Amino acid sequence: MAYYKLSVCYPNGVAEPDADELARIMAEVGALNDDLKAAGAWVFGGGLHEPSTATVVVTTEGSTSMTDGPFIESKEQIGGFTIVEVDDLDAALAWAARFSTATGTPIEVWPFAGIG
């Protein structure tokens, strides 16, 4: 078994869906999470607040500094993620396709190098 991070990628600056669309998306994601749990593949997942709520912590030569906001500027932002434990990359990609359908966004699939 291998672990993969499935990241929900939103274009930077895109408007949040209206309440009805967001409710539909959340219902589909909730059903998908239930399917992941039933399959024994769900490890952890959750949504993230907007990038401006991030804090970057850097320690150099014993001095620590903190900066508000995300570390990098990009055209996309991570809106949430799910960690899955599946047999292989093909299984992770299949779950990612379902998340992309549910959210209407690209899903980045990234294997873990190791756990523990």
PDB file of N, CA and C in Angstrom:
ATOM      1  N   MET A   1       0.853  -1.187   0.000  1.00  0.00           N
ATOM      2  CA  MET A   1       0.000   0.000   0.000  1.00  0.00           C
ATOM      3  C   MET A   1       0.896   1.247   0.000  1.00  0.00           C
ATOM      4  N   ALA A   2       0.395   2.301  -0.602  1.00  0.00           N
ATOM      5  CA  ALA A   2       1.131   3.555  -0.684  1.00  0.00           C
ATOM      6  C   ALA A   2       0.203   4.710  -0.310  1.00  0.00           C
ATOM      7  N   TYR A   3       0.791   5.796   0.152  1.00  0.00           N
ATOM      8  CA  TYR A   3       0.043   6.993   0.517  1.00  0.00           C
ATOM      9  C   TYR A   3       0.198   8.045  -0.579  1.00  0.00           C
ATOM     10  N   TYR A   4      -0.896   8.743  -0.858  1.00  0.00           N
ATOM     11  CA  TYR A   4      -0.900   9.819  -1.839  1.00  0.00           C
ATOM     12  C   TYR A   4      -1.679  10.994  -1.280  1.00  0.00           C
ATOM     13  N   LYS A   5      -1.222  12.204  -1.635  1.00  0.00           N
ATOM     14  CA  LYS A   5      -1.964  13.424  -1.298  1.00  0.00           C
ATOM     15  C   LYS A   5      -2.705  13.868  -2.551  1.00  0.00           C
ATOM     16  N   LEU A   6      -4.014  14.038  -2.429  1.00  0.00           N
ATOM     17  CA  LEU A   6      -4.843  14.546  -3.514  1.00  0.00           C
ATOM     18  C   LEU A   6      -5.202  15.985  -3.165  1.00  0.00           C
ATOM     19  N   SER A   7      -4.644  16.938  -3.893  1.00  0.00           N
ATOM     20  CA  SER A   7      -4.851  18.355  -3.593  1.00  0.00           C
ATOM     21  C   SER A   7      -5.874  18.967  -4.538  1.00  0.00           C
ATOM     22  N   VAL A   8      -6.814  19.710  -3.977  1.00  0.00           N
ATOM     23  CA  VAL A   8      -7.802  20.443  -4.758  1.00  0.00           C
ATOM     24  C   VAL A   8      -7.170  21.775  -5.151  1.00  0.00           C
ATOM     25  N   CYS A   9      -7.024  22.031  -6.457  1.00  0.00           N
ATOM     26  CA  CYS A   9      -6.335  23.220  -6.946  1.00  0.00           C
ATOM     27  C   CYS A   9      -7.322  24.205  -7.563  1.00  0.00           C
ATOM     28  N   TYR A  10      -7.372  25.405  -7.009  1.00  0.00           N
ATOM     29  CA  TYR A  10      -8.246  26.461  -7.513  1.00  0.00           C
ATOM     30  C   TYR A  10      -7.398  27.553  -8.144  1.00  0.00           C
ATOM     31  N   PRO A  11      -7.850  28.122  -9.282  1.00  0.00           N
ATOM     32  CA  PRO A  11      -7.136  29.276  -9.832  1.00  0.00           C
ATOM     33  C   PRO A  11      -7.117  30.406  -8.806  1.00  0.00           C
ATOM     34  N   ASN A  12      -5.990  31.062  -8.657  1.00  0.00           N
ATOM     35  CA  ASN A  12      -5.844  32.159  -7.707  1.00  0.00           C
ATOM     36  C   ASN A  12      -6.808  33.282  -8.076  1.00  0.00           C
ATOM     37  N   GLY A  13      -7.540  33.779  -7.092  1.00  0.00           N
ATOM     38  CA  GLY A  13      -8.447  34.895  -7.297  1.00  0.00           C
ATOM     39  C   GLY A  13      -9.819  34.519  -7.826  1.00  0.00           C
ATOM     40  N   VAL A  14     -10.089  33.232  -8.010  1.00  0.00           N
ATOM     41  CA  VAL A  14     -11.403  32.817  -8.513  1.00  0.00           C
ATOM     42  C   VAL A  14     -12.454  33.065  -7.433  1.00  0.00           C
ATOM     43  N   ALA A  15     -13.631  33.468  -7.840  1.00  0.00           N
ATOM     44  CA  ALA A  15     -14.711  33.722  -6.887  1.00  0.00           C
ATOM     45  C   ALA A  15     -15.233  32.403  -6.322  1.00  0.00           C
ATOM     46  N   GLU A  16     -15.588  32.418  -5.044  1.00  0.00           N
ATOM     47  CA  GLU A  16     -16.176  31.234  -4.416  1.00  0.00           C
ATOM     48  C   GLU A  16     -17.527  30.957  -5.054  1.00  0.00           C
ATOM     49  N   PRO A  17     -17.870  29.674  -5.253  1.00  0.00           N
ATOM     50  CA  PRO A  17     -19.189  29.360  -5.821  1.00  0.00           C
ATOM     51  C   PRO A  17     -20.311  29.924  -4.953  1.00  0.00           C
ATOM     52  N   ASP A  18     -21.471  30.173  -5.579  1.00  0.00           N
ATOM     53  CA  ASP A  18     -22.608  30.652  -4.790  1.00  0.00           C
ATOM     54  C   ASP A  18     -23.052  29.556  -3.821  1.00  0.00           C
ATOM     55  N   ALA A  19     -23.925  29.902  -2.905  1.00  0.00           N
ATOM     56  CA  ALA A  19     -24.309  28.991  -1.816  1.00  0.00           C
ATOM     57  C   ALA A  19     -24.881  27.665  -2.324  1.00  0.00           C
ATOM     58  N   ASP A  20     -25.718  27.709  -3.350  1.00  0.00           N
ATOM     59  CA  ASP A  20     -26.308  26.478  -3.875  1.00  0.00           C
ATOM     60  C   ASP A  20     -25.250  25.572  -4.505  1.00  0.00           C
ATOM     61  N   GLU A  21     -24.365  26.176  -5.311  1.00  0.00           N
ATOM     62  CA  GLU A  21     -23.303  25.394  -5.961  1.00  0.00           C
ATOM     63  C   GLU A  21     -22.342  24.833  -4.918  1.00  0.00           C
ATOM     64  N   LEU A  22     -21.986  25.636  -3.920  1.00  0.00           N
ATOM     65  CA  LEU A  22     -21.095  25.160  -2.868  1.00  0.00           C
ATOM     66  C   LEU A  22     -21.730  24.013  -2.089  1.00  0.00           C
ATOM     67  N   ALA A  23     -23.012  24.098  -1.813  1.00  0.00           N
ATOM     68  CA  ALA A  23     -23.719  23.010  -1.112  1.00  0.00           C
ATOM     69  C   ALA A  23     -23.696  21.732  -1.943  1.00  0.00           C
ATOM     70  N   ARG A  24     -23.886  21.856  -3.255  1.00  0.00           N
ATOM     71  CA  ARG A  24     -23.835  20.684  -4.138  1.00  0.00           C
ATOM     72  C   ARG A  24     -22.445  20.053  -4.131  1.00  0.00           C
ATOM     73  N   ILE A  25     -21.415  20.906  -4.250  1.00  0.00           N
ATOM     74  CA  ILE A  25     -20.034  20.415  -4.248  1.00  0.00           C
ATOM     75  C   ILE A  25     -19.733  19.707  -2.932  1.00  0.00           C
ATOM     76  N   MET A  26     -20.091  20.327  -1.817  1.00  0.00           N
ATOM     77  CA  MET A  26     -19.792  19.741  -0.506  1.00  0.00           C
ATOM     78  C   MET A  26     -20.530  18.413  -0.309  1.00  0.00           C
ATOM     79  N   ALA A  27     -21.752  18.318  -0.821  1.00  0.00           N
ATOM     80  CA  ALA A  27     -22.496  17.058  -0.731  1.00  0.00           C
ATOM     81  C   ALA A  27     -21.793  15.963  -1.533  1.00  0.00           C
ATOM     82  N   GLU A  28     -21.326  16.304  -2.731  1.00  0.00           N
ATOM     83  CA  GLU A  28     -20.622  15.318  -3.559  1.00  0.00           C
ATOM     84  C   GLU A  28     -19.297  14.909  -2.923  1.00  0.00           C
ATOM     85  N   VAL A  29     -18.572  15.869  -2.377  1.00  0.00           N
ATOM     86  CA  VAL A  29     -17.305  15.553  -1.711  1.00  0.00           C
ATOM     87  C   VAL A  29     -17.570  14.706  -0.466  1.00  0.00           C
ATOM     88  N   GLY A  30     -18.611  15.018   0.281  1.00  0.00           N
ATOM     89  CA  GLY A  30     -18.958  14.214   1.458  1.00  0.00           C
ATOM     90  C   GLY A  30     -19.275  12.781   1.081  1.00  0.00           C
ATOM     91  N   ALA A  31     -20.040  12.584   0.002  1.00  0.00           N
ATOM     92  CA  ALA A  31     -20.357  11.229  -0.466  1.00  0.00           C
ATOM     93  C   ALA A  31     -19.090  10.511  -0.930  1.00  0.00           C
ATOM     94  N   LEU A  32     -18.203  11.236  -1.587  1.00  0.00           N
ATOM     95  CA  LEU A  32     -16.943  10.654  -2.038  1.00  0.00           C
ATOM     96  C   LEU A  32     -16.073  10.252  -0.854  1.00  0.00           C
ATOM     97  N   ASN A  33     -16.026  11.098   0.181  1.00  0.00           N
ATOM     98  CA  ASN A  33     -15.280  10.741   1.395  1.00  0.00           C
ATOM     99  C   ASN A  33     -15.870   9.490   2.044  1.00  0.00           C
ATOM    100  N   ASP A  34     -17.192   9.371   2.042  1.00  0.00           N
ATOM    101  CA  ASP A  34     -17.832   8.162   2.573  1.00  0.00           C
ATOM    102  C   ASP A  34     -17.402   6.936   1.776  1.00  0.00           C
ATOM    103  N   ASP A  35     -17.324   7.067   0.432  1.00  0.00           N
ATOM    104  CA  ASP A  35     -16.866   5.954  -0.410  1.00  0.00           C
ATOM    105  C   ASP A  35     -15.411   5.596  -0.102  1.00  0.00           C
ATOM    106  N   LEU A  36     -14.567   6.613   0.086  1.00  0.00           N
ATOM    107  CA  LEU A  36     -13.165   6.361   0.443  1.00  0.00           C
ATOM    108  C   LEU A  36     -13.065   5.600   1.761  1.00  0.00           C
ATOM    109  N   LYS A  37     -13.853   6.018   2.742  1.00  0.00           N
ATOM    110  CA  LYS A  37     -13.839   5.352   4.051  1.00  0.00           C
ATOM    111  C   LYS A  37     -14.321   3.915   3.927  1.00  0.00           C
ATOM    112  N   ALA A  38     -15.383   3.688   3.162  1.00  0.00           N
ATOM    113  CA  ALA A  38     -15.917   2.336   2.978  1.00  0.00           C
ATOM    114  C   ALA A  38     -14.901   1.429   2.280  1.00  0.00           C
ATOM    115  N   ALA A  39     -14.081   2.007   1.393  1.00  0.00           N
ATOM    116  CA  ALA A  39     -13.058   1.248   0.682  1.00  0.00           C
ATOM    117  C   ALA A  39     -11.795   1.045   1.522  1.00  0.00           C
ATOM    118  N   GLY A  40     -11.731   1.695   2.689  1.00  0.00           N
ATOM    119  CA  GLY A  40     -10.539   1.587   3.543  1.00  0.00           C
ATOM    120  C   GLY A  40      -9.365   2.397   3.023  1.00  0.00           C
ATOM    121  N   ALA A  41      -9.623   3.374   2.131  1.00  0.00           N
ATOM    122  CA  ALA A  41      -8.559   4.158   1.517  1.00  0.00           C
ATOM    123  C   ALA A  41      -8.380   5.533   2.147  1.00  0.00           C
ATOM    124  N   TRP A  42      -9.379   6.004   2.914  1.00  0.00           N
ATOM    125  CA  TRP A  42      -9.334   7.356   3.468  1.00  0.00           C
ATOM    126  C   TRP A  42      -8.434   7.379   4.695  1.00  0.00           C
ATOM    127  N   VAL A  43      -7.488   8.328   4.736  1.00  0.00           N
ATOM    128  CA  VAL A  43      -6.614   8.502   5.891  1.00  0.00           C
ATOM    129  C   VAL A  43      -6.964   9.803   6.600  1.00  0.00           C
ATOM    130  N   PHE A  44      -7.019  10.903   5.843  1.00  0.00           N
ATOM    131  CA  PHE A  44      -7.273  12.214   6.429  1.00  0.00           C
ATOM    132  C   PHE A  44      -7.591  13.187   5.298  1.00  0.00           C
ATOM    133  N   GLY A  45      -8.387  14.185   5.572  1.00  0.00           N
ATOM    134  CA  GLY A  45      -8.649  15.203   4.574  1.00  0.00           C
ATOM    135  C   GLY A  45      -9.290  16.418   5.199  1.00  0.00           C
ATOM    136  N   GLY A  46      -9.246  17.523   4.482  1.00  0.00           N
ATOM    137  CA  GLY A  46      -9.893  18.724   4.970  1.00  0.00           C
ATOM    138  C   GLY A  46      -9.696  19.892   4.028  1.00  0.00           C
ATOM    139  N   GLY A  47     -10.540  20.893   4.194  1.00  0.00           N
ATOM    140  CA  GLY A  47     -10.423  22.127   3.428  1.00  0.00           C
ATOM    141  C   GLY A  47      -9.509  23.103   4.147  1.00  0.00           C
ATOM    142  N   LEU A  48      -9.023  24.059   3.405  1.00  0.00           N
ATOM    143  CA  LEU A  48      -8.125  25.068   3.959  1.00  0.00           C
ATOM    144  C   LEU A  48      -8.759  26.449   3.846  1.00  0.00           C
ATOM    145  N   HIS A  49      -8.395  27.332   4.770  1.00  0.00           N
ATOM    146  CA  HIS A  49      -8.806  28.728   4.662  1.00  0.00           C
ATOM    147  C   HIS A  49      -8.042  29.358   3.499  1.00  0.00           C
ATOM    148  N   GLU A  50      -8.420  30.571   3.121  1.00  0.00           N
ATOM    149  CA  GLU A  50      -7.773  31.251   1.993  1.00  0.00           C
ATOM    150  C   GLU A  50      -6.278  31.464   2.265  1.00  0.00           C
ATOM    151  N   PRO A  51      -5.466  31.583   1.203  1.00  0.00           N
ATOM    152  CA  PRO A  51      -4.011  31.686   1.356  1.00  0.00           C
ATOM    153  C   PRO A  51      -3.549  32.825   2.252  1.00  0.00           C
ATOM    154  N   SER A  52      -4.304  33.920   2.327  1.00  0.00           N
ATOM    155  CA  SER A  52      -3.871  35.049   3.152  1.00  0.00           C
ATOM    156  C   SER A  52      -3.821  34.703   4.635  1.00  0.00           C
ATOM    157  N   THR A  53      -4.410  33.573   5.043  1.00  0.00           N
ATOM    158  CA  THR A  53      -4.389  33.174   6.450  1.00  0.00           C
ATOM    159  C   THR A  53      -3.142  32.369   6.808  1.00  0.00           C
ATOM    160  N   ALA A  54      -2.328  32.033   5.797  1.00  0.00           N
ATOM    161  CA  ALA A  54      -1.116  31.241   6.033  1.00  0.00           C
ATOM    162  C   ALA A  54      -0.037  32.091   6.707  1.00  0.00           C
ATOM    163  N   THR A  55       0.868  31.432   7.398  1.00  0.00           N
ATOM    164  CA  THR A  55       2.040  32.072   7.985  1.00  0.00           C
ATOM    165  C   THR A  55       3.262  31.242   7.613  1.00  0.00           C
ATOM    166  N   VAL A  56       4.287  31.886   7.115  1.00  0.00           N
ATOM    167  CA  VAL A  56       5.526  31.211   6.758  1.00  0.00           C
ATOM    168  C   VAL A  56       6.527  31.439   7.877  1.00  0.00           C
ATOM    169  N   VAL A  57       7.121  30.352   8.391  1.00  0.00           N
ATOM    170  CA  VAL A  57       8.115  30.416   9.460  1.00  0.00           C
ATOM    171  C   VAL A  57       9.455  29.962   8.877  1.00  0.00           C
ATOM    172  N   VAL A  58      10.484  30.816   9.003  1.00  0.00           N
ATOM    173  CA  VAL A  58      11.813  30.503   8.479  1.00  0.00           C
ATOM    174  C   VAL A  58      12.839  30.730   9.577  1.00  0.00           C
ATOM    175  N   THR A  59      13.681  29.728   9.795  1.00  0.00           N
ATOM    176  CA  THR A  59      14.772  29.862  10.756  1.00  0.00           C
ATOM    177  C   THR A  59      16.092  29.765   9.997  1.00  0.00           C
ATOM    178  N   THR A  60      16.898  30.820  10.115  1.00  0.00           N
ATOM    179  CA  THR A  60      18.201  30.871   9.464  1.00  0.00           C
ATOM    180  C   THR A  60      19.226  31.320  10.483  1.00  0.00           C
ATOM    181  N   GLU A  61      20.275  30.538  10.639  1.00  0.00           N
ATOM    182  CA  GLU A  61      21.357  30.869  11.563  1.00  0.00           C
ATOM    183  C   GLU A  61      20.830  31.213  12.949  1.00  0.00           C
ATOM    184  N   GLY A  62      19.860  30.445  13.434  1.00  0.00           N
ATOM    185  CA  GLY A  62      19.332  30.608  14.776  1.00  0.00           C
ATOM    186  C   GLY A  62      18.303  31.707  14.942  1.00  0.00           C
ATOM    187  N   SER A  63      18.014  32.446  13.898  1.00  0.00           N
ATOM    188  CA  SER A  63      17.033  33.519  13.971  1.00  0.00           C
ATOM    189  C   SER A  63      15.769  33.092  13.218  1.00  0.00           C
ATOM    190  N   THR A  64      14.616  33.222  13.884  1.00  0.00           N
ATOM    191  CA  THR A  64      13.347  32.823  13.281  1.00  0.00           C
ATOM    192  C   THR A  64      12.552  34.057  12.885  1.00  0.00           C
ATOM    193  N   SER A  65      12.036  34.040  11.659  1.00  0.00           N
ATOM    194  CA  SER A  65      11.165  35.123  11.214  1.00  0.00           C
ATOM    195  C   SER A  65       9.847  34.520  10.753  1.00  0.00           C
ATOM    196  N   MET A  66       8.793  35.311  10.835  1.00  0.00           N
ATOM    197  CA  MET A  66       7.467  34.886  10.423  1.00  0.00           C
ATOM    198  C   MET A  66       6.878  35.940   9.498  1.00  0.00           C
ATOM    199  N   THR A  67       6.262  35.461   8.418  1.00  0.00           N
ATOM    200  CA  THR A  67       5.672  36.344   7.416  1.00  0.00           C
ATOM    201  C   THR A  67       4.247  35.895   7.149  1.00  0.00           C
ATOM    202  N   ASP A  68       3.323  36.850   7.094  1.00  0.00           N
ATOM    203  CA  ASP A  68       1.934  36.519   6.759  1.00  0.00           C
ATOM    204  C   ASP A  68       1.816  36.152   5.288  1.00  0.00           C
ATOM    205  N   GLY A  69       0.882  35.274   5.009  1.00  0.00           N
ATOM    206  CA  GLY A  69       0.582  34.908   3.634  1.00  0.00           C
ATOM    207  C   GLY A  69       1.343  33.683   3.169  1.00  0.00           C
ATOM    208  N   PRO A  70       1.014  33.208   1.976  1.00  0.00           N
ATOM    209  CA  PRO A  70       1.652  32.000   1.464  1.00  0.00           C
ATOM    210  C   PRO A  70       3.114  32.233   1.130  1.00  0.00           C
ATOM    211  N   PHE A  71       3.876  31.150   1.060  1.00  0.00           N
ATOM    212  CA  PHE A  71       5.314  31.213   0.783  1.00  0.00           C
ATOM    213  C   PHE A  71       5.594  31.589  -0.658  1.00  0.00           C
ATOM    214  N   ILE A  72       4.794  31.049  -1.577  1.00  0.00           N
ATOM    215  CA  ILE A  72       5.042  31.295  -2.992  1.00  0.00           C
ATOM    216  C   ILE A  72       3.838  31.988  -3.628  1.00  0.00           C
ATOM    217  N   GLU A  73       4.109  32.725  -4.682  1.00  0.00           N
ATOM    218  CA  GLU A  73       3.036  33.280  -5.493  1.00  0.00           C
ATOM    219  C   GLU A  73       2.789  32.292  -6.615  1.00  0.00           C
ATOM    220  N   SER A  74       1.532  32.021  -6.899  1.00  0.00           N
ATOM    221  CA  SER A  74       1.233  31.078  -7.970  1.00  0.00           C
ATOM    222  C   SER A  74      -0.087  31.431  -8.627  1.00  0.00           C
ATOM    223  N   LYS A  75      -0.355  30.762  -9.736  1.00  0.00           N
ATOM    224  CA  LYS A  75      -1.601  30.964 -10.458  1.00  0.00           C
ATOM    225  C   LYS A  75      -2.717  30.135  -9.850  1.00  0.00           C
ATOM    226  N   GLU A  76      -2.359  29.183  -8.996  1.00  0.00           N
ATOM    227  CA  GLU A  76      -3.344  28.328  -8.343  1.00  0.00           C
ATOM    228  C   GLU A  76      -3.072  28.296  -6.848  1.00  0.00           C
ATOM    229  N   GLN A  77      -4.083  27.895  -6.096  1.00  0.00           N
ATOM    230  CA  GLN A  77      -3.937  27.727  -4.658  1.00  0.00           C
ATOM    231  C   GLN A  77      -4.551  26.399  -4.272  1.00  0.00           C
ATOM    232  N   ILE A  78      -4.087  25.841  -3.174  1.00  0.00           N
ATOM    233  CA  ILE A  78      -4.632  24.589  -2.658  1.00  0.00           C
ATOM    234  C   ILE A  78      -5.823  24.932  -1.778  1.00  0.00           C
ATOM    235  N   GLY A  79      -6.998  24.424  -2.141  1.00  0.00           N
ATOM    236  CA  GLY A  79      -8.212  24.697  -1.379  1.00  0.00           C
ATOM    237  C   GLY A  79      -8.492  23.638  -0.332  1.00  0.00           C
ATOM    238  N   GLY A  80      -7.876  22.473  -0.481  1.00  0.00           N
ATOM    239  CA  GLY A  80      -8.064  21.376   0.452  1.00  0.00           C
ATOM    240  C   GLY A  80      -7.290  20.179  -0.042  1.00  0.00           C
ATOM    241  N   PHE A  81      -7.292  19.136   0.753  1.00  0.00           N
ATOM    242  CA  PHE A  81      -6.552  17.942   0.358  1.00  0.00           C
ATOM    243  C   PHE A  81      -7.131  16.726   1.054  1.00  0.00           C
ATOM    244  N   THR A  82      -6.809  15.584   0.510  1.00  0.00           N
ATOM    245  CA  THR A  82      -7.170  14.302   1.100  1.00  0.00           C
ATOM    246  C   THR A  82      -5.954  13.398   1.012  1.00  0.00           C
ATOM    247  N   ILE A  83      -5.669  12.690   2.071  1.00  0.00           N
ATOM    248  CA  ILE A  83      -4.606  11.691   2.080  1.00  0.00           C
ATOM    249  C   ILE A  83      -5.272  10.327   1.939  1.00  0.00           C
ATOM    250  N   VAL A  84      -4.814   9.547   0.949  1.00  0.00           N
ATOM    251  CA  VAL A  84      -5.372   8.224   0.731  1.00  0.00           C
ATOM    252  C   VAL A  84      -4.271   7.174   0.850  1.00  0.00           C
ATOM    253  N   GLU A  85      -4.679   5.974   1.237  1.00  0.00           N
ATOM    254  CA  GLU A  85      -3.784   4.821   1.254  1.00  0.00           C
ATOM    255  C   GLU A  85      -4.387   3.809   0.289  1.00  0.00           C
ATOM    256  N   VAL A  86      -3.699   3.589  -0.825  1.00  0.00           N
ATOM    257  CA  VAL A  86      -4.209   2.731  -1.888  1.00  0.00           C
ATOM    258  C   VAL A  86      -3.107   1.815  -2.396  1.00  0.00           C
ATOM    259  N   ASP A  87      -3.485   0.864  -3.243  1.00  0.00           N
ATOM    260  CA  ASP A  87      -2.523  -0.115  -3.756  1.00  0.00           C
ATOM    261  C   ASP A  87      -1.443   0.503  -4.630  1.00  0.00           C
ATOM    262  N   ASP A  88      -1.825   1.474  -5.475  1.00  0.00           N
ATOM    263  CA  ASP A  88      -0.859   2.008  -6.433  1.00  0.00           C
ATOM    264  C   ASP A  88      -1.331   3.345  -6.988  1.00  0.00           C
ATOM    265  N   LEU A  89      -0.499   3.896  -7.871  1.00  0.00           N
ATOM    266  CA  LEU A  89      -0.800   5.198  -8.469  1.00  0.00           C
ATOM    267  C   LEU A  89      -2.111   5.157  -9.251  1.00  0.00           C
ATOM    268  N   ASP A  90      -2.368   4.073  -9.958  1.00  0.00           N
ATOM    269  CA  ASP A  90      -3.607   3.989 -10.727  1.00  0.00           C
ATOM    270  C   ASP A  90      -4.834   4.149  -9.833  1.00  0.00           C
ATOM    271  N   ALA A  91      -4.807   3.555  -8.655  1.00  0.00           N
ATOM    272  CA  ALA A  91      -5.931   3.688  -7.724  1.00  0.00           C
ATOM    273  C   ALA A  91      -6.054   5.128  -7.234  1.00  0.00           C
ATOM    274  N   ALA A  92      -4.928   5.773  -6.943  1.00  0.00           N
ATOM    275  CA  ALA A  92      -4.956   7.181  -6.511  1.00  0.00           C
ATOM    276  C   ALA A  92      -5.502   8.068  -7.620  1.00  0.00           C
ATOM    277  N   LEU A  93      -5.113   7.797  -8.864  1.00  0.00           N
ATOM    278  CA  LEU A  93      -5.597   8.587  -9.989  1.00  0.00           C
ATOM    279  C   LEU A  93      -7.097   8.408 -10.197  1.00  0.00           C
ATOM    280  N   ALA A  94      -7.598   7.214  -9.952  1.00  0.00           N
ATOM    281  CA  ALA A  94      -9.036   6.975 -10.079  1.00  0.00           C
ATOM    282  C   ALA A  94      -9.817   7.788  -9.047  1.00  0.00           C
ATOM    283  N   TRP A  95      -9.328   7.818  -7.800  1.00  0.00           N
ATOM    284  CA  TRP A  95      -9.979   8.644  -6.776  1.00  0.00           C
ATOM    285  C   TRP A  95      -9.880  10.124  -7.153  1.00  0.00           C
ATOM    286  N   ALA A  96      -8.723  10.546  -7.674  1.00  0.00           N
ATOM    287  CA  ALA A  96      -8.539  11.944  -8.068  1.00  0.00           C
ATOM    288  C   ALA A  96      -9.534  12.340  -9.158  1.00  0.00           C
ATOM    289  N   ALA A  97      -9.789  11.443 -10.098  1.00  0.00           N
ATOM    290  CA  ALA A  97     -10.760  11.731 -11.158  1.00  0.00           C
ATOM    291  C   ALA A  97     -12.140  11.963 -10.561  1.00  0.00           C
ATOM    292  N   ARG A  98     -12.492  11.193  -9.560  1.00  0.00           N
ATOM    293  CA  ARG A  98     -13.794  11.381  -8.910  1.00  0.00           C
ATOM    294  C   ARG A  98     -13.842  12.715  -8.164  1.00  0.00           C
ATOM    295  N   PHE A  99     -12.736  13.096  -7.491  1.00  0.00           N
ATOM    296  CA  PHE A  99     -12.694  14.394  -6.806  1.00  0.00           C
ATOM    297  C   PHE A  99     -12.770  15.533  -7.811  1.00  0.00           C
ATOM    298  N   SER A 100     -12.110  15.396  -8.952  1.00  0.00           N
ATOM    299  CA  SER A 100     -12.159  16.443  -9.967  1.00  0.00           C
ATOM    300  C   SER A 100     -13.584  16.619 -10.490  1.00  0.00           C
ATOM    301  N   THR A 101     -14.283  15.516 -10.671  1.00  0.00           N
ATOM    302  CA  THR A 101     -15.677  15.581 -11.103  1.00  0.00           C
ATOM    303  C   THR A 101     -16.538  16.274 -10.044  1.00  0.00           C
ATOM    304  N   ALA A 102     -16.317  15.931  -8.778  1.00  0.00           N
ATOM    305  CA  ALA A 102     -17.123  16.495  -7.689  1.00  0.00           C
ATOM    306  C   ALA A 102     -16.867  17.987  -7.492  1.00  0.00           C
ATOM    307  N   THR A 103     -15.609  18.405  -7.593  1.00  0.00           N
ATOM    308  CA  THR A 103     -15.255  19.795  -7.291  1.00  0.00           C
ATOM    309  C   THR A 103     -15.221  20.696  -8.519  1.00  0.00           C
ATOM    310  N   GLY A 104     -15.070  20.100  -9.704  1.00  0.00           N
ATOM    311  CA  GLY A 104     -14.931  20.897 -10.916  1.00  0.00           C
ATOM    312  C   GLY A 104     -13.577  21.574 -11.017  1.00  0.00           C
ATOM    313  N   THR A 105     -12.588  21.061 -10.289  1.00  0.00           N
ATOM    314  CA  THR A 105     -11.246  21.656 -10.282  1.00  0.00           C
ATOM    315  C   THR A 105     -10.202  20.591 -10.592  1.00  0.00           C
ATOM    316  N   PRO A 106      -8.987  21.019 -10.967  1.00  0.00           N
ATOM    317  CA  PRO A 106      -7.900  20.056 -11.110  1.00  0.00           C
ATOM    318  C   PRO A 106      -7.551  19.457  -9.743  1.00  0.00           C
ATOM    319  N   ILE A 107      -7.124  18.211  -9.762  1.00  0.00           N
ATOM    320  CA  ILE A 107      -6.659  17.531  -8.548  1.00  0.00           C
ATOM    321  C   ILE A 107      -5.225  17.087  -8.786  1.00  0.00           C
ATOM    322  N   GLU A 108      -4.320  17.531  -7.932  1.00  0.00           N
ATOM    323  CA  GLU A 108      -2.922  17.132  -8.028  1.00  0.00           C
ATOM    324  C   GLU A 108      -2.712  15.875  -7.184  1.00  0.00           C
ATOM    325  N   VAL A 109      -2.112  14.858  -7.772  1.00  0.00           N
ATOM    326  CA  VAL A 109      -1.829  13.600  -7.078  1.00  0.00           C
ATOM    327  C   VAL A 109      -0.325  13.545  -6.832  1.00  0.00           C
ATOM    328  N   TRP A 110       0.040  13.376  -5.548  1.00  0.00           N
ATOM    329  CA  TRP A 110       1.457  13.434  -5.183  1.00  0.00           C
ATOM    330  C   TRP A 110       1.750  12.308  -4.208  1.00  0.00           C
ATOM    331  N   PRO A 111       2.666  11.377  -4.584  1.00  0.00           N
ATOM    332  CA  PRO A 111       2.989  10.270  -3.676  1.00  0.00           C
ATOM    333  C   PRO A 111       3.869  10.742  -2.515  1.00  0.00           C
ATOM    334  N   PHE A 112       3.691  10.098  -1.374  1.00  0.00           N
ATOM    335  CA  PHE A 112       4.559  10.327  -0.236  1.00  0.00           C
ATOM    336  C   PHE A 112       5.854   9.549  -0.444  1.00  0.00           C
ATOM    337  N   ALA A 113       6.977  10.127  -0.020  1.00  0.00           N
ATOM    338  CA  ALA A 113       8.258   9.444  -0.120  1.00  0.00           C
ATOM    339  C   ALA A 113       8.391   8.385   0.971  1.00  0.00           C
ATOM    340  N   GLY A 114       7.710   8.563   2.066  1.00  0.00           N
ATOM    341  CA  GLY A 114       7.754   7.631   3.167  1.00  0.00           C
ATOM    342  C   GLY A 114       6.937   8.164   4.312  1.00  0.00           C
ATOM    343  N   ILE A 115       6.464   7.274   5.132  1.00  0.00           N
ATOM    344  CA  ILE A 115       5.671   7.649   6.310  1.00  0.00           C
ATOM    345  C   ILE A 115       6.403   7.131   7.541  1.00  0.00           C
ATOM    346  N   GLY A 116       6.505   8.002   8.543  1.00  0.00           N
ATOM    347  CA  GLY A 116       7.051   7.565   9.818  1.00  0.00           C
ATOM    348  C   GLY A 116       8.479   7.742  10.002  1.00  0.00           C
TER     349      GLY A 116
END
